[in-house]
Amino acid sequence: DGYARSTPATDAAIDVARDALGLDLESTYTGKAMAALLDDA
């Protein structure tokens, strides 16, 4: 919905990145990139 606004897919991707990969992501940039990767994978 806008810059720096998270989405459910972003929040879920942040959780996966933390639990599965040990990555500390955030919701403005990297969480959205991870959401795209997870969706395609």
PDB file of all heavy atoms in Angstrom:
ATOM      1  N   ASP A   1       0.793  -1.229   0.000  1.00  0.00           N
ATOM      2  CA  ASP A   1       0.000   0.000   0.000  1.00  0.00           C
ATOM      3  C   ASP A   1       0.825   1.279   0.000  1.00  0.00           C
ATOM      4  O   ASP A   1       0.257   2.367   0.011  1.00  0.00           O
ATOM      5  CB  ASP A   1      -0.923   0.024   1.229  1.00  0.00           C
ATOM      6  CG  ASP A   1      -1.998  -1.045   1.155  1.00  0.00           C
ATOM      7  OD1 ASP A   1      -2.370  -1.435   0.025  1.00  0.00           O
ATOM      8  OD2 ASP A   1      -2.451  -1.500   2.215  1.00  0.00           O
ATOM      9  N   GLY A   2       2.144   1.172   0.026  1.00  0.00           N
ATOM     10  CA  GLY A   2       2.950   2.380   0.017  1.00  0.00           C
ATOM     11  C   GLY A   2       4.342   2.134   0.558  1.00  0.00           C
ATOM     12  O   GLY A   2       4.648   1.068   1.104  1.00  0.00           O
ATOM     13  N   TYR A   3       5.178   3.155   0.393  1.00  0.00           N
ATOM     14  CA  TYR A   3       6.558   3.050   0.846  1.00  0.00           C
ATOM     15  C   TYR A   3       6.604   2.848   2.361  1.00  0.00           C
ATOM     16  O   TYR A   3       5.891   3.530   3.112  1.00  0.00           O
ATOM     17  CB  TYR A   3       7.325   4.318   0.472  1.00  0.00           C
ATOM     18  CG  TYR A   3       8.765   4.300   0.932  1.00  0.00           C
ATOM     19  CD1 TYR A   3       9.706   3.530   0.263  1.00  0.00           C
ATOM     20  CD2 TYR A   3       9.170   5.029   2.047  1.00  0.00           C
ATOM     21  CE1 TYR A   3      11.022   3.489   0.683  1.00  0.00           C
ATOM     22  CE2 TYR A   3      10.487   4.990   2.473  1.00  0.00           C
ATOM     23  CZ  TYR A   3      11.402   4.221   1.789  1.00  0.00           C
ATOM     24  OH  TYR A   3      12.708   4.178   2.225  1.00  0.00           O
ATOM     25  N   ALA A   4       7.434   1.912   2.776  1.00  0.00           N
ATOM     26  CA  ALA A   4       7.657   1.600   4.200  1.00  0.00           C
ATOM     27  C   ALA A   4       6.429   0.998   4.878  1.00  0.00           C
ATOM     28  O   ALA A   4       6.379   0.919   6.099  1.00  0.00           O
ATOM     29  CB  ALA A   4       8.139   2.825   4.967  1.00  0.00           C
ATOM     30  N   ARG A   5       5.457   0.572   4.083  1.00  0.00           N
ATOM     31  CA  ARG A   5       4.285  -0.102   4.638  1.00  0.00           C
ATOM     32  C   ARG A   5       4.408  -1.603   4.389  1.00  0.00           C
ATOM     33  O   ARG A   5       4.566  -2.039   3.251  1.00  0.00           O
ATOM     34  CB  ARG A   5       2.990   0.437   4.018  1.00  0.00           C
ATOM     35  CG  ARG A   5       2.741   1.897   4.357  1.00  0.00           C
ATOM     36  CD  ARG A   5       1.415   2.381   3.789  1.00  0.00           C
ATOM     37  NE  ARG A   5       1.179   3.787   4.068  1.00  0.00           N
ATOM     38  CZ  ARG A   5       0.665   4.259   5.191  1.00  0.00           C
ATOM     39  NH1 ARG A   5       0.294   3.405   6.145  1.00  0.00           N
ATOM     40  NH2 ARG A   5       0.492   5.551   5.377  1.00  0.00           N
ATOM     41  N   SER A   6       4.332  -2.359   5.437  1.00  0.00           N
ATOM     42  CA  SER A   6       4.498  -3.803   5.321  1.00  0.00           C
ATOM     43  C   SER A   6       3.237  -4.458   4.780  1.00  0.00           C
ATOM     44  O   SER A   6       2.185  -3.827   4.648  1.00  0.00           O
ATOM     45  CB  SER A   6       4.875  -4.398   6.681  1.00  0.00           C
ATOM     46  OG  SER A   6       5.307  -5.735   6.534  1.00  0.00           O
ATOM     47  N   THR A   7       3.351  -5.738   4.466  1.00  0.00           N
ATOM     48  CA  THR A   7       2.241  -6.559   4.003  1.00  0.00           C
ATOM     49  C   THR A   7       2.310  -7.891   4.742  1.00  0.00           C
ATOM     50  O   THR A   7       3.355  -8.253   5.294  1.00  0.00           O
ATOM     51  CB  THR A   7       2.330  -6.820   2.489  1.00  0.00           C
ATOM     52  OG1 THR A   7       3.474  -7.669   2.240  1.00  0.00           O
ATOM     53  CG2 THR A   7       2.491  -5.520   1.702  1.00  0.00           C
ATOM     54  N   PRO A   8       1.231  -8.654   4.755  1.00  0.00           N
ATOM     55  CA  PRO A   8       1.304  -9.985   5.384  1.00  0.00           C
ATOM     56  C   PRO A   8       2.393 -10.860   4.773  1.00  0.00           C
ATOM     57  O   PRO A   8       3.082 -11.595   5.491  1.00  0.00           O
ATOM     58  CB  PRO A   8      -0.096 -10.552   5.145  1.00  0.00           C
ATOM     59  CG  PRO A   8      -0.986  -9.342   5.077  1.00  0.00           C
ATOM     60  CD  PRO A   8      -0.154  -8.294   4.383  1.00  0.00           C
ATOM     61  N   ALA A   9       2.566 -10.784   3.450  1.00  0.00           N
ATOM     62  CA  ALA A   9       3.609 -11.593   2.797  1.00  0.00           C
ATOM     63  C   ALA A   9       4.995 -11.152   3.245  1.00  0.00           C
ATOM     64  O   ALA A   9       5.892 -11.982   3.444  1.00  0.00           O
ATOM     65  CB  ALA A   9       3.481 -11.482   1.279  1.00  0.00           C
ATOM     66  N   THR A  10       5.175  -9.839   3.415  1.00  0.00           N
ATOM     67  CA  THR A  10       6.455  -9.322   3.888  1.00  0.00           C
ATOM     68  C   THR A  10       6.744  -9.795   5.306  1.00  0.00           C
ATOM     69  O   THR A  10       7.850 -10.262   5.613  1.00  0.00           O
ATOM     70  CB  THR A  10       6.452  -7.784   3.847  1.00  0.00           C
ATOM     71  OG1 THR A  10       6.211  -7.349   2.509  1.00  0.00           O
ATOM     72  CG2 THR A  10       7.786  -7.217   4.324  1.00  0.00           C
ATOM     73  N   ASP A  11       5.766  -9.675   6.180  1.00  0.00           N
ATOM     74  CA  ASP A  11       5.948 -10.099   7.576  1.00  0.00           C
ATOM     75  C   ASP A  11       6.279 -11.591   7.656  1.00  0.00           C
ATOM     76  O   ASP A  11       7.156 -12.006   8.426  1.00  0.00           O
ATOM     77  CB  ASP A  11       4.695  -9.795   8.390  1.00  0.00           C
ATOM     78  CG  ASP A  11       4.432  -8.301   8.533  1.00  0.00           C
ATOM     79  OD1 ASP A  11       5.389  -7.512   8.373  1.00  0.00           O
ATOM     80  OD2 ASP A  11       3.265  -7.929   8.791  1.00  0.00           O
ATOM     81  N   ALA A  12       5.590 -12.393   6.842  1.00  0.00           N
ATOM     82  CA  ALA A  12       5.852 -13.831   6.838  1.00  0.00           C
ATOM     83  C   ALA A  12       7.254 -14.127   6.316  1.00  0.00           C
ATOM     84  O   ALA A  12       7.956 -15.004   6.836  1.00  0.00           O
ATOM     85  CB  ALA A  12       4.811 -14.552   5.991  1.00  0.00           C
ATOM     86  N   ALA A  13       7.677 -13.386   5.307  1.00  0.00           N
ATOM     87  CA  ALA A  13       9.007 -13.595   4.731  1.00  0.00           C
ATOM     88  C   ALA A  13      10.103 -13.246   5.731  1.00  0.00           C
ATOM     89  O   ALA A  13      11.136 -13.918   5.800  1.00  0.00           O
ATOM     90  CB  ALA A  13       9.155 -12.763   3.465  1.00  0.00           C
ATOM     91  N   ILE A  14       9.888 -12.200   6.505  1.00  0.00           N
ATOM     92  CA  ILE A  14      10.852 -11.824   7.542  1.00  0.00           C
ATOM     93  C   ILE A  14      11.005 -12.943   8.563  1.00  0.00           C
ATOM     94  O   ILE A  14      12.117 -13.271   8.992  1.00  0.00           O
ATOM     95  CB  ILE A  14      10.433 -10.500   8.209  1.00  0.00           C
ATOM     96  CG1 ILE A  14      10.573  -9.338   7.217  1.00  0.00           C
ATOM     97  CG2 ILE A  14      11.261 -10.230   9.463  1.00  0.00           C
ATOM     98  CD1 ILE A  14       9.990  -8.035   7.711  1.00  0.00           C
ATOM     99  N   ASP A  15       9.882 -13.553   8.931  1.00  0.00           N
ATOM    100  CA  ASP A  15       9.918 -14.662   9.888  1.00  0.00           C
ATOM    101  C   ASP A  15      10.676 -15.863   9.312  1.00  0.00           C
ATOM    102  O   ASP A  15      11.493 -16.489  10.000  1.00  0.00           O
ATOM    103  CB  ASP A  15       8.500 -15.080  10.265  1.00  0.00           C
ATOM    104  CG  ASP A  15       7.780 -14.041  11.125  1.00  0.00           C
ATOM    105  OD1 ASP A  15       8.465 -13.177  11.704  1.00  0.00           O
ATOM    106  OD2 ASP A  15       6.533 -14.101  11.188  1.00  0.00           O
ATOM    107  N   VAL A  16      10.409 -16.185   8.046  1.00  0.00           N
ATOM    108  CA  VAL A  16      11.098 -17.315   7.413  1.00  0.00           C
ATOM    109  C   VAL A  16      12.594 -17.045   7.323  1.00  0.00           C
ATOM    110  O   VAL A  16      13.421 -17.922   7.619  1.00  0.00           O
ATOM    111  CB  VAL A  16      10.511 -17.584   6.011  1.00  0.00           C
ATOM    112  CG1 VAL A  16      11.389 -18.583   5.247  1.00  0.00           C
ATOM    113  CG2 VAL A  16       9.087 -18.108   6.117  1.00  0.00           C
ATOM    114  N   ALA A  17      12.958 -15.844   6.925  1.00  0.00           N
ATOM    115  CA  ALA A  17      14.375 -15.498   6.792  1.00  0.00           C
ATOM    116  C   ALA A  17      15.095 -15.618   8.131  1.00  0.00           C
ATOM    117  O   ALA A  17      16.236 -16.092   8.207  1.00  0.00           O
ATOM    118  CB  ALA A  17      14.512 -14.091   6.241  1.00  0.00           C
ATOM    119  N   ARG A  18      14.420 -15.196   9.188  1.00  0.00           N
ATOM    120  CA  ARG A  18      15.023 -15.282  10.528  1.00  0.00           C
ATOM    121  C   ARG A  18      15.163 -16.726  10.979  1.00  0.00           C
ATOM    122  O   ARG A  18      16.237 -17.151  11.425  1.00  0.00           O
ATOM    123  CB  ARG A  18      14.168 -14.498  11.515  1.00  0.00           C
ATOM    124  CG  ARG A  18      14.720 -14.500  12.940  1.00  0.00           C
ATOM    125  CD  ARG A  18      13.710 -13.956  13.941  1.00  0.00           C
ATOM    126  NE  ARG A  18      12.503 -14.784  13.990  1.00  0.00           N
ATOM    127  CZ  ARG A  18      11.294 -14.345  13.643  1.00  0.00           C
ATOM    128  NH1 ARG A  18      11.088 -13.098  13.260  1.00  0.00           N
ATOM    129  NH2 ARG A  18      10.243 -15.161  13.708  1.00  0.00           N
ATOM    130  N   ASP A  19      14.095 -17.496  10.849  1.00  0.00           N
ATOM    131  CA  ASP A  19      14.076 -18.842  11.407  1.00  0.00           C
ATOM    132  C   ASP A  19      14.867 -19.840  10.559  1.00  0.00           C
ATOM    133  O   ASP A  19      15.513 -20.746  11.103  1.00  0.00           O
ATOM    134  CB  ASP A  19      12.627 -19.328  11.549  1.00  0.00           C
ATOM    135  CG  ASP A  19      11.818 -18.472  12.526  1.00  0.00           C
ATOM    136  OD1 ASP A  19      12.436 -17.799  13.370  1.00  0.00           O
ATOM    137  OD2 ASP A  19      10.577 -18.479  12.419  1.00  0.00           O
ATOM    138  N   ALA A  20      14.797 -19.700   9.237  1.00  0.00           N
ATOM    139  CA  ALA A  20      15.434 -20.688   8.361  1.00  0.00           C
ATOM    140  C   ALA A  20      16.844 -20.294   7.922  1.00  0.00           C
ATOM    141  O   ALA A  20      17.686 -21.172   7.686  1.00  0.00           O
ATOM    142  CB  ALA A  20      14.563 -20.917   7.121  1.00  0.00           C
ATOM    143  N   LEU A  21      17.105 -18.991   7.823  1.00  0.00           N
ATOM    144  CA  LEU A  21      18.385 -18.545   7.260  1.00  0.00           C
ATOM    145  C   LEU A  21      19.218 -17.721   8.229  1.00  0.00           C
ATOM    146  O   LEU A  21      20.372 -17.376   7.912  1.00  0.00           O
ATOM    147  CB  LEU A  21      18.138 -17.716   5.985  1.00  0.00           C
ATOM    148  CG  LEU A  21      17.384 -18.442   4.861  1.00  0.00           C
ATOM    149  CD1 LEU A  21      17.048 -17.456   3.740  1.00  0.00           C
ATOM    150  CD2 LEU A  21      18.207 -19.611   4.326  1.00  0.00           C
ATOM    151  N   GLY A  22      18.641 -17.375   9.375  1.00  0.00           N
ATOM    152  CA  GLY A  22      19.375 -16.554  10.332  1.00  0.00           C
ATOM    153  C   GLY A  22      19.600 -15.137   9.863  1.00  0.00           C
ATOM    154  O   GLY A  22      20.556 -14.476  10.283  1.00  0.00           O
ATOM    155  N   LEU A  23      18.719 -14.635   8.996  1.00  0.00           N
ATOM    156  CA  LEU A  23      18.844 -13.284   8.453  1.00  0.00           C
ATOM    157  C   LEU A  23      17.910 -12.333   9.184  1.00  0.00           C
ATOM    158  O   LEU A  23      16.747 -12.653   9.444  1.00  0.00           O
ATOM    159  CB  LEU A  23      18.507 -13.266   6.959  1.00  0.00           C
ATOM    160  CG  LEU A  23      19.393 -14.093   6.031  1.00  0.00           C
ATOM    161  CD1 LEU A  23      18.890 -13.977   4.603  1.00  0.00           C
ATOM    162  CD2 LEU A  23      20.852 -13.669   6.128  1.00  0.00           C
ATOM    163  N   ASP A  24      18.411 -11.144   9.463  1.00  0.00           N
ATOM    164  CA  ASP A  24      17.616 -10.094  10.100  1.00  0.00           C
ATOM    165  C   ASP A  24      17.194  -9.106   9.018  1.00  0.00           C
ATOM    166  O   ASP A  24      17.972  -8.244   8.626  1.00  0.00           O
ATOM    167  CB  ASP A  24      18.449  -9.398  11.182  1.00  0.00           C
ATOM    168  CG  ASP A  24      17.668  -8.305  11.906  1.00  0.00           C
ATOM    169  OD1 ASP A  24      16.423  -8.333  11.845  1.00  0.00           O
ATOM    170  OD2 ASP A  24      18.307  -7.425  12.512  1.00  0.00           O
ATOM    171  N   LEU A  25      15.978  -9.254   8.529  1.00  0.00           N
ATOM    172  CA  LEU A  25      15.471  -8.396   7.464  1.00  0.00           C
ATOM    173  C   LEU A  25      14.530  -7.344   8.042  1.00  0.00           C
ATOM    174  O   LEU A  25      14.237  -7.331   9.233  1.00  0.00           O
ATOM    175  CB  LEU A  25      14.755  -9.235   6.398  1.00  0.00           C
ATOM    176  CG  LEU A  25      15.555 -10.394   5.809  1.00  0.00           C
ATOM    177  CD1 LEU A  25      14.764 -11.061   4.678  1.00  0.00           C
ATOM    178  CD2 LEU A  25      16.924  -9.950   5.318  1.00  0.00           C
ATOM    179  N   GLU A  26      14.059  -6.448   7.190  1.00  0.00           N
ATOM    180  CA  GLU A  26      13.138  -5.392   7.612  1.00  0.00           C
ATOM    181  C   GLU A  26      12.031  -5.284   6.582  1.00  0.00           C
ATOM    182  O   GLU A  26      12.111  -5.869   5.500  1.00  0.00           O
ATOM    183  CB  GLU A  26      13.870  -4.058   7.814  1.00  0.00           C
ATOM    184  CG  GLU A  26      14.912  -3.707   6.756  1.00  0.00           C
ATOM    185  CD  GLU A  26      14.324  -3.438   5.405  1.00  0.00           C
ATOM    186  OE1 GLU A  26      13.453  -2.546   5.302  1.00  0.00           O
ATOM    187  OE2 GLU A  26      14.748  -4.092   4.434  1.00  0.00           O
ATOM    188  N   SER A  27      10.989  -4.528   6.905  1.00  0.00           N
ATOM    189  CA  SER A  27       9.766  -4.572   6.097  1.00  0.00           C
ATOM    190  C   SER A  27       9.737  -3.584   4.940  1.00  0.00           C
ATOM    191  O   SER A  27       8.857  -3.688   4.088  1.00  0.00           O
ATOM    192  CB  SER A  27       8.545  -4.344   6.997  1.00  0.00           C
ATOM    193  OG  SER A  27       8.641  -3.088   7.669  1.00  0.00           O
ATOM    194  N   THR A  28      10.671  -2.650   4.896  1.00  0.00           N
ATOM    195  CA  THR A  28      10.629  -1.646   3.825  1.00  0.00           C
ATOM    196  C   THR A  28      11.280  -2.151   2.546  1.00  0.00           C
ATOM    197  O   THR A  28      10.766  -1.927   1.449  1.00  0.00           O
ATOM    198  CB  THR A  28      11.316  -0.349   4.276  1.00  0.00           C
ATOM    199  OG1 THR A  28      10.669   0.131   5.458  1.00  0.00           O
ATOM    200  CG2 THR A  28      11.236   0.721   3.199  1.00  0.00           C
ATOM    201  N   TYR A  29      12.399  -2.850   2.667  1.00  0.00           N
ATOM    202  CA  TYR A  29      13.162  -3.293   1.493  1.00  0.00           C
ATOM    203  C   TYR A  29      13.301  -4.815   1.431  1.00  0.00           C
ATOM    204  O   TYR A  29      12.684  -5.480   0.615  1.00  0.00           O
ATOM    205  CB  TYR A  29      14.561  -2.655   1.506  1.00  0.00           C
ATOM    206  CG  TYR A  29      14.572  -1.191   1.150  1.00  0.00           C
ATOM    207  CD1 TYR A  29      14.299  -0.219   2.098  1.00  0.00           C
ATOM    208  CD2 TYR A  29      14.862  -0.770  -0.141  1.00  0.00           C
ATOM    209  CE1 TYR A  29      14.311   1.128   1.776  1.00  0.00           C
ATOM    210  CE2 TYR A  29      14.887   0.571  -0.484  1.00  0.00           C
ATOM    211  CZ  TYR A  29      14.602   1.519   0.479  1.00  0.00           C
ATOM    212  OH  TYR A  29      14.606   2.853   0.157  1.00  0.00           O
ATOM    213  N   THR A  30      14.168  -5.349   2.283  1.00  0.00           N
ATOM    214  CA  THR A  30      14.588  -6.738   2.126  1.00  0.00           C
ATOM    215  C   THR A  30      13.471  -7.745   2.387  1.00  0.00           C
ATOM    216  O   THR A  30      13.455  -8.821   1.785  1.00  0.00           O
ATOM    217  CB  THR A  30      15.779  -7.032   3.048  1.00  0.00           C
ATOM    218  OG1 THR A  30      15.485  -6.578   4.388  1.00  0.00           O
ATOM    219  CG2 THR A  30      17.028  -6.311   2.554  1.00  0.00           C
ATOM    220  N   GLY A  31      12.539  -7.410   3.268  1.00  0.00           N
ATOM    221  CA  GLY A  31      11.426  -8.321   3.505  1.00  0.00           C
ATOM    222  C   GLY A  31      10.582  -8.518   2.256  1.00  0.00           C
ATOM    223  O   GLY A  31      10.083  -9.624   1.992  1.00  0.00           O
ATOM    224  N   LYS A  32      10.431  -7.471   1.461  1.00  0.00           N
ATOM    225  CA  LYS A  32       9.643  -7.576   0.232  1.00  0.00           C
ATOM    226  C   LYS A  32      10.382  -8.380  -0.832  1.00  0.00           C
ATOM    227  O   LYS A  32       9.766  -9.144  -1.591  1.00  0.00           O
ATOM    228  CB  LYS A  32       9.277  -6.177  -0.260  1.00  0.00           C
ATOM    229  CG  LYS A  32       8.297  -5.475   0.682  1.00  0.00           C
ATOM    230  CD  LYS A  32       7.917  -4.078   0.244  1.00  0.00           C
ATOM    231  CE  LYS A  32       6.918  -3.478   1.239  1.00  0.00           C
ATOM    232  NZ  LYS A  32       6.484  -2.117   0.889  1.00  0.00           N
ATOM    233  N   ALA A  33      11.714  -8.225  -0.891  1.00  0.00           N
ATOM    234  CA  ALA A  33      12.484  -9.033  -1.830  1.00  0.00           C
ATOM    235  C   ALA A  33      12.419 -10.508  -1.463  1.00  0.00           C
ATOM    236  O   ALA A  33      12.283 -11.379  -2.330  1.00  0.00           O
ATOM    237  CB  ALA A  33      13.937  -8.555  -1.862  1.00  0.00           C
ATOM    238  N   MET A  34      12.503 -10.801  -0.172  1.00  0.00           N
ATOM    239  CA  MET A  34      12.391 -12.189   0.263  1.00  0.00           C
ATOM    240  C   MET A  34      10.999 -12.742  -0.001  1.00  0.00           C
ATOM    241  O   MET A  34      10.840 -13.926  -0.354  1.00  0.00           O
ATOM    242  CB  MET A  34      12.738 -12.307   1.751  1.00  0.00           C
ATOM    243  CG  MET A  34      12.639 -13.716   2.318  1.00  0.00           C
ATOM    244  SD  MET A  34      13.711 -14.939   1.491  1.00  0.00           S
ATOM    245  CE  MET A  34      15.316 -14.478   2.168  1.00  0.00           C
ATOM    246  N   ALA A  35       9.960 -11.923   0.137  1.00  0.00           N
ATOM    247  CA  ALA A  35       8.599 -12.370  -0.161  1.00  0.00           C
ATOM    248  C   ALA A  35       8.484 -12.793  -1.620  1.00  0.00           C
ATOM    249  O   ALA A  35       7.821 -13.797  -1.936  1.00  0.00           O
ATOM    250  CB  ALA A  35       7.598 -11.263   0.160  1.00  0.00           C
ATOM    251  N   ALA A  36       9.126 -12.054  -2.523  1.00  0.00           N
ATOM    252  CA  ALA A  36       9.095 -12.413  -3.937  1.00  0.00           C
ATOM    253  C   ALA A  36       9.802 -13.745  -4.176  1.00  0.00           C
ATOM    254  O   ALA A  36       9.317 -14.608  -4.910  1.00  0.00           O
ATOM    255  CB  ALA A  36       9.751 -11.310  -4.769  1.00  0.00           C
ATOM    256  N   LEU A  37      10.947 -13.924  -3.547  1.00  0.00           N
ATOM    257  CA  LEU A  37      11.692 -15.175  -3.702  1.00  0.00           C
ATOM    258  C   LEU A  37      10.868 -16.360  -3.195  1.00  0.00           C
ATOM    259  O   LEU A  37      10.768 -17.397  -3.868  1.00  0.00           O
ATOM    260  CB  LEU A  37      13.023 -15.082  -2.961  1.00  0.00           C
ATOM    261  CG  LEU A  37      13.989 -16.255  -3.086  1.00  0.00           C
ATOM    262  CD1 LEU A  37      15.430 -15.790  -2.875  1.00  0.00           C
ATOM    263  CD2 LEU A  37      13.694 -17.384  -2.091  1.00  0.00           C
ATOM    264  N   LEU A  38      10.274 -16.223  -2.016  1.00  0.00           N
ATOM    265  CA  LEU A  38       9.503 -17.317  -1.440  1.00  0.00           C
ATOM    266  C   LEU A  38       8.299 -17.674  -2.306  1.00  0.00           C
ATOM    267  O   LEU A  38       7.962 -18.853  -2.476  1.00  0.00           O
ATOM    268  CB  LEU A  38       9.043 -16.948  -0.031  1.00  0.00           C
ATOM    269  CG  LEU A  38      10.128 -16.892   1.041  1.00  0.00           C
ATOM    270  CD1 LEU A  38       9.558 -16.345   2.344  1.00  0.00           C
ATOM    271  CD2 LEU A  38      10.738 -18.274   1.267  1.00  0.00           C
ATOM    272  N   ASP A  39       7.658 -16.656  -2.848  1.00  0.00           N
ATOM    273  CA  ASP A  39       6.492 -16.913  -3.699  1.00  0.00           C
ATOM    274  C   ASP A  39       6.898 -17.697  -4.943  1.00  0.00           C
ATOM    275  O   ASP A  39       6.247 -18.674  -5.309  1.00  0.00           O
ATOM    276  CB  ASP A  39       5.845 -15.587  -4.094  1.00  0.00           C
ATOM    277  CG  ASP A  39       4.543 -15.786  -4.848  1.00  0.00           C
ATOM    278  OD1 ASP A  39       3.529 -16.101  -4.200  1.00  0.00           O
ATOM    279  OD2 ASP A  39       4.544 -15.635  -6.083  1.00  0.00           O
ATOM    280  N   ASP A  40       7.982 -17.301  -5.578  1.00  0.00           N
ATOM    281  CA  ASP A  40       8.436 -17.997  -6.782  1.00  0.00           C
ATOM    282  C   ASP A  40       8.946 -19.396  -6.463  1.00  0.00           C
ATOM    283  O   ASP A  40       8.735 -20.342  -7.229  1.00  0.00           O
ATOM    284  CB  ASP A  40       9.542 -17.198  -7.468  1.00  0.00           C
ATOM    285  CG  ASP A  40       9.022 -15.955  -8.175  1.00  0.00           C
ATOM    286  OD1 ASP A  40       7.802 -15.724  -8.159  1.00  0.00           O
ATOM    287  OD2 ASP A  40       9.850 -15.195  -8.733  1.00  0.00           O
ATOM    288  N   ALA A  41       9.652 -19.527  -5.335  1.00  0.00           N
ATOM    289  CA  ALA A  41      10.236 -20.819  -4.980  1.00  0.00           C
ATOM    290  C   ALA A  41       9.182 -21.879  -4.729  1.00  0.00           C
ATOM    291  O   ALA A  41       9.447 -23.083  -4.868  1.00  0.00           O
ATOM    292  CB  ALA A  41      11.119 -20.673  -3.747  1.00  0.00           C
TER     293      ALA A  41
END
